[in-house]
C-alpha atoms as a PDB file:
ATOM      1  CA  UNK A   1       7.788   6.959  21.371  1.00  0.00           C
ATOM      2  CA  UNK A   2       8.059   3.043  21.918  1.00  0.00           C
ATOM      3  CA  UNK A   3       9.906   2.876  25.180  1.00  0.00           C
ATOM      4  CA  UNK A   4       9.940   5.012  28.420  1.00  0.00           C
ATOM      5  CA  UNK A   5      12.405   7.924  28.999  1.00  0.00           C
ATOM      6  CA  UNK A   6      15.339   5.924  31.038  1.00  0.00           C
ATOM      7  CA  UNK A   7      15.902   8.601  34.242  1.00  0.00           C
ATOM      8  CA  UNK A   8      12.189   8.497  34.307  1.00  0.00           C
ATOM      9  CA  UNK A   9      10.417   7.224  37.996  1.00  0.00           C
ATOM     10  CA  UNK A  10       7.624   3.864  36.889  1.00  0.00           C
ATOM     11  CA  UNK A  11       4.476   5.545  36.725  1.00  0.00           C
ATOM     12  CA  UNK A  12       1.481   4.197  38.045  1.00  0.00           C
ATOM     13  CA  UNK A  13       0.003   2.191  35.332  1.00  0.00           C
ATOM     14  CA  UNK A  14       3.338   0.431  34.671  1.00  0.00           C
ATOM     15  CA  UNK A  15       3.536  -0.754  38.376  1.00  0.00           C
ATOM     16  CA  UNK A  16      -0.309  -1.661  38.325  1.00  0.00           C
ATOM     17  CA  UNK A  17      -0.048  -3.597  35.644  1.00  0.00           C
ATOM     18  CA  UNK A  18       3.495  -5.593  36.530  1.00  0.00           C
ATOM     19  CA  UNK A  19       2.610  -5.888  40.233  1.00  0.00           C
ATOM     20  CA  UNK A  20      -0.863  -7.342  39.826  1.00  0.00           C
ATOM     21  CA  UNK A  21       0.859  -9.966  37.237  1.00  0.00           C
ATOM     22  CA  UNK A  22       3.487 -11.204  39.757  1.00  0.00           C
ATOM     23  CA  UNK A  23       0.940 -11.383  42.667  1.00  0.00           C
ATOM     24  CA  UNK A  24      -0.845 -13.777  40.740  1.00  0.00           C
ATOM     25  CA  UNK A  25       1.889 -15.732  39.445  1.00  0.00           C
ATOM     26  CA  UNK A  26       2.934 -15.862  43.243  1.00  0.00           C
ATOM     27  CA  UNK A  27      -0.360 -17.560  44.128  1.00  0.00           C
ATOM     28  CA  UNK A  28      -0.194 -20.306  41.894  1.00  0.00           C
ATOM     29  CA  UNK A  29      -4.293 -20.265  41.819  1.00  0.00           C
ATOM     30  CA  UNK A  30      -6.003 -21.433  38.403  1.00  0.00           C
ATOM     31  CA  UNK A  31      -9.060 -19.832  39.527  1.00  0.00           C
ATOM     32  CA  UNK A  32      -7.637 -15.922  40.842  1.00  0.00           C
ATOM     33  CA  UNK A  33      -7.638 -13.049  38.770  1.00  0.00           C
ATOM     34  CA  UNK A  34      -7.942  -9.668  39.410  1.00  0.00           C
ATOM     35  CA  UNK A  35     -10.668  -7.168  38.694  1.00  0.00           C
ATOM     36  CA  UNK A  36      -9.578  -4.022  37.193  1.00  0.00           C
ATOM     37  CA  UNK A  37     -11.766  -0.721  37.105  1.00  0.00           C
ATOM     38  CA  UNK A  38     -12.363   1.809  34.828  1.00  0.00           C
ATOM     39  CA  UNK A  39     -11.507   5.048  35.761  1.00  0.00           C
ATOM     40  CA  UNK A  40     -15.230   6.182  36.460  1.00  0.00           C
ATOM     41  CA  UNK A  41     -15.568   3.190  38.576  1.00  0.00           C
ATOM     42  CA  UNK A  42     -12.250   3.701  40.568  1.00  0.00           C
ATOM     43  CA  UNK A  43     -13.855   7.421  41.442  1.00  0.00           C
ATOM     44  CA  UNK A  44     -16.597   5.959  42.451  1.00  0.00           C
ATOM     45  CA  UNK A  45     -15.140   2.620  44.222  1.00  0.00           C
ATOM     46  CA  UNK A  46     -11.566   4.398  45.232  1.00  0.00           C
ATOM     47  CA  UNK A  47      -9.709   1.309  44.529  1.00  0.00           C
ATOM     48  CA  UNK A  48      -7.121   0.143  41.358  1.00  0.00           C
ATOM     49  CA  UNK A  49      -7.178  -3.928  41.536  1.00  0.00           C
ATOM     50  CA  UNK A  50      -9.693  -6.734  43.183  1.00  0.00           C
ATOM     51  CA  UNK A  51      -8.080 -10.171  43.752  1.00  0.00           C
ATOM     52  CA  UNK A  52     -11.138 -12.091  42.824  1.00  0.00           C
ATOM     53  CA  UNK A  53     -11.816 -15.998  43.673  1.00  0.00           C
ATOM     54  CA  UNK A  54     -10.810 -16.611  47.208  1.00  0.00           C
ATOM     55  CA  UNK A  55      -9.798 -14.149  49.132  1.00  0.00           C
ATOM     56  CA  UNK A  56     -10.856 -10.238  49.082  1.00  0.00           C
ATOM     57  CA  UNK A  57      -8.197  -8.377  48.967  1.00  0.00           C
ATOM     58  CA  UNK A  58      -8.012  -4.470  47.297  1.00  0.00           C
ATOM     59  CA  UNK A  59      -5.191  -2.543  45.942  1.00  0.00           C
ATOM     60  CA  UNK A  60      -4.571   1.145  45.081  1.00  0.00           C
ATOM     61  CA  UNK A  61      -1.385   1.800  44.004  1.00  0.00           C
ATOM     62  CA  UNK A  62       0.401   5.234  44.305  1.00  0.00           C
ATOM     63  CA  UNK A  63       2.957   6.780  42.357  1.00  0.00           C
ATOM     64  CA  UNK A  64       5.930   8.289  44.197  1.00  0.00           C
ATOM     65  CA  UNK A  65       8.965  10.691  43.962  1.00  0.00           C
ATOM     66  CA  UNK A  66      12.639  10.932  45.109  1.00  0.00           C
ATOM     67  CA  UNK A  67      14.017  13.906  47.491  1.00  0.00           C
ATOM     68  CA  UNK A  68      17.208  12.548  47.897  1.00  0.00           C
ATOM     69  CA  UNK A  69      18.707   8.805  47.355  1.00  0.00           C
ATOM     70  CA  UNK A  70      16.247   7.073  49.751  1.00  0.00           C
ATOM     71  CA  UNK A  71      13.693   9.745  50.692  1.00  0.00           C
ATOM     72  CA  UNK A  72      10.611   8.463  49.033  1.00  0.00           C
ATOM     73  CA  UNK A  73       7.245  10.714  49.174  1.00  0.00           C
ATOM     74  CA  UNK A  74       4.010   9.514  48.402  1.00  0.00           C
ATOM     75  CA  UNK A  75       1.383  11.738  47.979  1.00  0.00           C
ATOM     76  CA  UNK A  76      -2.083  10.817  49.043  1.00  0.00           C
ATOM     77  CA  UNK A  77      -5.800  11.779  47.696  1.00  0.00           C
ATOM     78  CA  UNK A  78      -7.609  12.615  50.473  1.00  0.00           C
ATOM     79  CA  UNK A  79     -11.018  12.488  48.429  1.00  0.00           C
ATOM     80  CA  UNK A  80      -9.653   8.974  47.493  1.00  0.00           C
ATOM     81  CA  UNK A  81      -8.877   8.210  50.869  1.00  0.00           C
ATOM     82  CA  UNK A  82     -12.149   9.192  52.016  1.00  0.00           C
ATOM     83  CA  UNK A  83     -14.068   6.989  49.514  1.00  0.00           C
ATOM     84  CA  UNK A  84     -11.939   4.098  49.953  1.00  0.00           C
ATOM     85  CA  UNK A  85     -12.709   4.404  54.198  1.00  0.00           C
ATOM     86  CA  UNK A  86     -16.285   4.209  53.340  1.00  0.00           C
ATOM     87  CA  UNK A  87     -16.891   1.804  51.016  1.00  0.00           C
ATOM     88  CA  UNK A  88     -14.691  -0.388  52.521  1.00  0.00           C
ATOM     89  CA  UNK A  89     -14.358  -0.050  56.687  1.00  0.00           C
ATOM     90  CA  UNK A  90     -12.114  -2.264  58.484  1.00  0.00           C
ATOM     91  CA  UNK A  91     -14.679  -4.305  60.500  1.00  0.00           C
ATOM     92  CA  UNK A  92     -15.779  -5.615  56.701  1.00  0.00           C
ATOM     93  CA  UNK A  93     -12.714  -5.453  54.430  1.00  0.00           C
ATOM     94  CA  UNK A  94      -9.784  -5.298  56.704  1.00  0.00           C
ATOM     95  CA  UNK A  95      -7.402  -6.030  53.531  1.00  0.00           C
ATOM     96  CA  UNK A  96      -6.993  -2.689  51.913  1.00  0.00           C
ATOM     97  CA  UNK A  97      -3.715  -1.408  50.684  1.00  0.00           C
ATOM     98  CA  UNK A  98      -1.962   1.142  48.982  1.00  0.00           C
ATOM     99  CA  UNK A  99       1.027   0.201  46.904  1.00  0.00           C
ATOM    100  CA  UNK A 100       4.132   1.226  45.217  1.00  0.00           C
ATOM    101  CA  UNK A 101       7.614   0.866  43.853  1.00  0.00           C
ATOM    102  CA  UNK A 102      10.887   1.656  45.102  1.00  0.00           C
ATOM    103  CA  UNK A 103      12.318   1.933  41.664  1.00  0.00           C
ATOM    104  CA  UNK A 104      14.303   4.825  41.232  1.00  0.00           C
ATOM    105  CA  UNK A 105      13.746   4.864  37.083  1.00  0.00           C
ATOM    106  CA  UNK A 106      12.681   2.383  34.519  1.00  0.00           C
ATOM    107  CA  UNK A 107      16.593   1.761  33.480  1.00  0.00           C
ATOM    108  CA  UNK A 108      16.918   0.711  37.076  1.00  0.00           C
ATOM    109  CA  UNK A 109      13.474  -1.531  36.617  1.00  0.00           C
ATOM    110  CA  UNK A 110      15.060  -2.433  32.980  1.00  0.00           C
ATOM    111  CA  UNK A 111      19.007  -3.093  34.079  1.00  0.00           C
ATOM    112  CA  UNK A 112      17.154  -5.813  36.627  1.00  0.00           C
ATOM    113  CA  UNK A 113      14.488  -7.335  33.855  1.00  0.00           C
ATOM    114  CA  UNK A 114      17.947  -8.221  32.133  1.00  0.00           C
ATOM    115  CA  UNK A 115      20.492  -9.246  34.558  1.00  0.00           C
ATOM    116  CA  UNK A 116      18.496 -10.461  37.906  1.00  0.00           C
ATOM    117  CA  UNK A 117      14.986 -11.408  35.759  1.00  0.00           C
ATOM    118  CA  UNK A 118      11.902 -10.653  35.964  1.00  0.00           C
ATOM    119  CA  UNK A 119      10.619 -11.959  40.045  1.00  0.00           C
ATOM    120  CA  UNK A 120      13.048  -9.382  41.254  1.00  0.00           C
ATOM    121  CA  UNK A 121      10.862  -6.615  40.291  1.00  0.00           C
ATOM    122  CA  UNK A 122       8.096  -7.703  42.782  1.00  0.00           C
ATOM    123  CA  UNK A 123      10.338  -7.589  45.711  1.00  0.00           C
ATOM    124  CA  UNK A 124      10.593  -3.703  44.990  1.00  0.00           C
ATOM    125  CA  UNK A 125       6.782  -3.403  45.886  1.00  0.00           C
ATOM    126  CA  UNK A 126       5.687  -2.477  48.641  1.00  0.00           C
ATOM    127  CA  UNK A 127       2.193  -1.965  50.405  1.00  0.00           C
ATOM    128  CA  UNK A 128       0.929  -0.197  53.264  1.00  0.00           C
ATOM    129  CA  UNK A 129      -2.093  -1.309  55.308  1.00  0.00           C
ATOM    130  CA  UNK A 130      -4.492   1.685  54.594  1.00  0.00           C
ATOM    131  CA  UNK A 131      -6.639   0.835  57.676  1.00  0.00           C
ATOM    132  CA  UNK A 132      -3.443   1.355  60.109  1.00  0.00           C
ATOM    133  CA  UNK A 133      -2.957   5.143  58.764  1.00  0.00           C
ATOM    134  CA  UNK A 134      -3.613   7.479  61.227  1.00  0.00           C
ATOM    135  CA  UNK A 135      -6.737  10.125  60.188  1.00  0.00           C
ATOM    136  CA  UNK A 136      -5.525  13.498  57.452  1.00  0.00           C
ATOM    137  CA  UNK A 137      -2.539  11.575  56.792  1.00  0.00           C
ATOM    138  CA  UNK A 138      -1.829  13.041  53.229  1.00  0.00           C
ATOM    139  CA  UNK A 139       1.999  11.680  52.709  1.00  0.00           C
ATOM    140  CA  UNK A 140       4.027   8.935  53.493  1.00  0.00           C
ATOM    141  CA  UNK A 141       7.579   8.801  53.655  1.00  0.00           C
ATOM    142  CA  UNK A 142      10.251   6.239  53.447  1.00  0.00           C
ATOM    143  CA  UNK A 143      13.551   8.046  55.133  1.00  0.00           C
ATOM    144  CA  UNK A 144      17.392   7.485  54.325  1.00  0.00           C
ATOM    145  CA  UNK A 145      17.330   4.541  56.572  1.00  0.00           C
ATOM    146  CA  UNK A 146      14.711   2.804  55.503  1.00  0.00           C
ATOM    147  CA  UNK A 147      11.916   3.808  58.005  1.00  0.00           C
ATOM    148  CA  UNK A 148       8.286   4.513  56.686  1.00  0.00           C
ATOM    149  CA  UNK A 149       6.330   7.432  58.320  1.00  0.00           C
ATOM    150  CA  UNK A 150       2.839   8.951  57.884  1.00  0.00           C
ATOM    151  CA  UNK A 151       2.355  13.063  57.962  1.00  0.00           C
ATOM    152  CA  UNK A 152       1.569  15.150  59.309  1.00  0.00           C
ATOM    153  CA  UNK A 153       0.752  11.847  62.381  1.00  0.00           C
ATOM    154  CA  UNK A 154       4.791  11.590  61.827  1.00  0.00           C
ATOM    155  CA  UNK A 155       3.468   7.339  62.622  1.00  0.00           C
ATOM    156  CA  UNK A 156       5.869   4.781  61.892  1.00  0.00           C
ATOM    157  CA  UNK A 157       4.152   2.500  59.431  1.00  0.00           C
ATOM    158  CA  UNK A 158       5.409  -1.278  58.748  1.00  0.00           C
ATOM    159  CA  UNK A 159       5.204  -2.111  54.799  1.00  0.00           C
ATOM    160  CA  UNK A 160       4.927  -5.762  53.399  1.00  0.00           C
ATOM    161  CA  UNK A 161       6.697  -6.789  50.349  1.00  0.00           C
ATOM    162  CA  UNK A 162       5.291  -8.063  47.356  1.00  0.00           C
ATOM    163  CA  UNK A 163       6.682 -11.576  48.647  1.00  0.00           C
ATOM    164  CA  UNK A 164       5.358 -11.501  51.745  1.00  0.00           C
ATOM    165  CA  UNK A 165       1.329  -9.904  50.585  1.00  0.00           C
ATOM    166  CA  UNK A 166       1.496 -13.219  48.101  1.00  0.00           C
ATOM    167  CA  UNK A 167       2.423 -15.544  51.074  1.00  0.00           C
ATOM    168  CA  UNK A 168      -0.030 -14.251  53.169  1.00  0.00           C
ATOM    169  CA  UNK A 169      -2.940 -14.471  50.728  1.00  0.00           C
ATOM    170  CA  UNK A 170      -1.919 -18.368  50.094  1.00  0.00           C
ATOM    171  CA  UNK A 171      -1.713 -19.029  53.905  1.00  0.00           C
ATOM    172  CA  UNK A 172      -4.961 -17.254  54.736  1.00  0.00           C
ATOM    173  CA  UNK A 173      -2.951 -14.207  57.409  1.00  0.00           C
ATOM    174  CA  UNK A 174      -4.355 -12.022  54.456  1.00  0.00           C
ATOM    175  CA  UNK A 175      -7.440 -11.800  52.681  1.00  0.00           C
ATOM    176  CA  UNK A 176     -11.096 -12.165  53.686  1.00  0.00           C
ATOM    177  CA  UNK A 177     -12.510 -15.104  52.678  1.00  0.00           C
ATOM    178  CA  UNK A 178     -15.255 -14.577  50.256  1.00  0.00           C
ATOM    179  CA  UNK A 179     -17.944 -17.186  51.446  1.00  0.00           C
ATOM    180  CA  UNK A 180     -19.802 -17.136  47.397  1.00  0.00           C
ATOM    181  CA  UNK A 181     -16.547 -17.478  45.675  1.00  0.00           C
ATOM    182  CA  UNK A 182     -14.778 -20.223  47.783  1.00  0.00           C
ATOM    183  CA  UNK A 183     -17.828 -22.324  47.829  1.00  0.00           C
ATOM    184  CA  UNK A 184     -17.482 -22.211  43.941  1.00  0.00           C
ATOM    185  CA  UNK A 185     -13.592 -22.790  44.249  1.00  0.00           C
ATOM    186  CA  UNK A 186     -14.544 -25.581  46.305  1.00  0.00           C
ATOM    187  CA  UNK A 187     -17.143 -27.310  44.098  1.00  0.00           C
ATOM    188  CA  UNK A 188     -15.049 -26.811  40.848  1.00  0.00           C
ATOM    189  CA  UNK A 189     -11.727 -28.475  42.603  1.00  0.00           C
ATOM    190  CA  UNK A 190     -14.552 -31.221  43.604  1.00  0.00           C
ATOM    191  CA  UNK A 191     -15.751 -31.677  40.216  1.00  0.00           C
ATOM    192  CA  UNK A 192     -12.417 -31.766  38.978  1.00  0.00           C
ATOM    193  CA  UNK A 193     -11.514 -34.355  41.317  1.00  0.00           C
ATOM    194  CA  UNK A 194     -14.395 -36.154  40.249  1.00  0.00           C
ATOM    195  CA  UNK A 195     -13.898 -36.309  36.648  1.00  0.00           C
ATOM    196  CA  UNK A 196     -10.007 -37.665  36.955  1.00  0.00           C
ATOM    197  CA  UNK A 197     -11.350 -40.515  39.308  1.00  0.00           C
ATOM    198  CA  UNK A 198     -13.992 -41.446  36.807  1.00  0.00           C
ATOM    199  CA  UNK A 199     -11.233 -41.284  34.025  1.00  0.00           C
ATOM    200  CA  UNK A 200      -8.879 -43.911  35.217  1.00  0.00           C
ATOM    201  CA  UNK A 201     -12.184 -46.449  36.283  1.00  0.00           C
ATOM    202  CA  UNK A 202     -11.810 -49.680  34.166  1.00  0.00           C
END
């Protein structure tokens, strides 16, 4: 099989690969890249993706299921959630997100790529602040009216769509500055500027 079953919901790996690609494309940064741990490392660390060179943003992608036309359910792994919160507490790593895609099928995803174009995919990505979840949350649901809640607490959740995540990182409203990476990036920019000036000195 070289193509997915059209009626299936896009799986976590497909969503992760596409989302990471469009996140980097939206940042317009020559130095940014995303580290994806191995499966064994993910068990120990808890996340799927970590933005490098500039800001610290960690992402854990989840698959979803549809219980109705718009009713979406995302089951959370409690052990994984505990690992994330232990390894990355809010005081040190405030930008920690669950990410999922709300396409109902590969057919819908493919139709958008063929008609609207690939950027439409990132607008179907939704991100939830993991630190905002109430204790013991095991399920996230999006209801027919578009609202989202965490269960069993019935907590109202506010998702952020893909383009807003990228905009927040660019404008420094999302992402913890990594001093080591920021210093290296600044040094590289100064070096590049110096070389460009020297190149044009008569």
